[in-house]
Amino acid sequence: MYARDTLPALIAVRDGVVVACCPQLSSLGDARAGKVEPHAVEAWLDNARVLLREVPLEFEDYCRIRPEEDALLENMMREKAKLAELPPENIYNCGVKGCCKTFRHQHVGVKNDEQSGLLLCQEIALGTS
């Protein structure tokens, strides 16, 4: 839906030459409601002799998915499905949100309820033990 004063124009170009122009999309729908009728646009393009009924072969070549791309996508989807089927591993609770490591570890510089955040205990680091 478009506001009346912001309706675009439709311009038909054939062989590099403008052959028809429809400012504010007049006669292509209900301007007051700001709606354009697809059948009216198709008829306008046909009258301007710029409507292609059959897509040229080279255009289809640009838009089609190559067999190797299709096979790659299919393989990626299969791998993703396999990963979803795997049972979840036991994740080690290091106390850091979002960490999914399965082995015992610490995050240096991160202090929380599970770890001090220090590589060495404070006594060893300060030499007080």
Foldseek 3Di string as FASTA:
>chain_A
DDQLVPQAKDFAADPNRTQDIGGSVPPQDDSNVPDGDPVSVQVVCVVSVNDDPDDDPVVVVVPDDDPVNVVVVVVVVVVVVVVVPDDQAQADPQPDPPDRHRDDDHAACDPDPRDRNHPDPPCVVVVPD
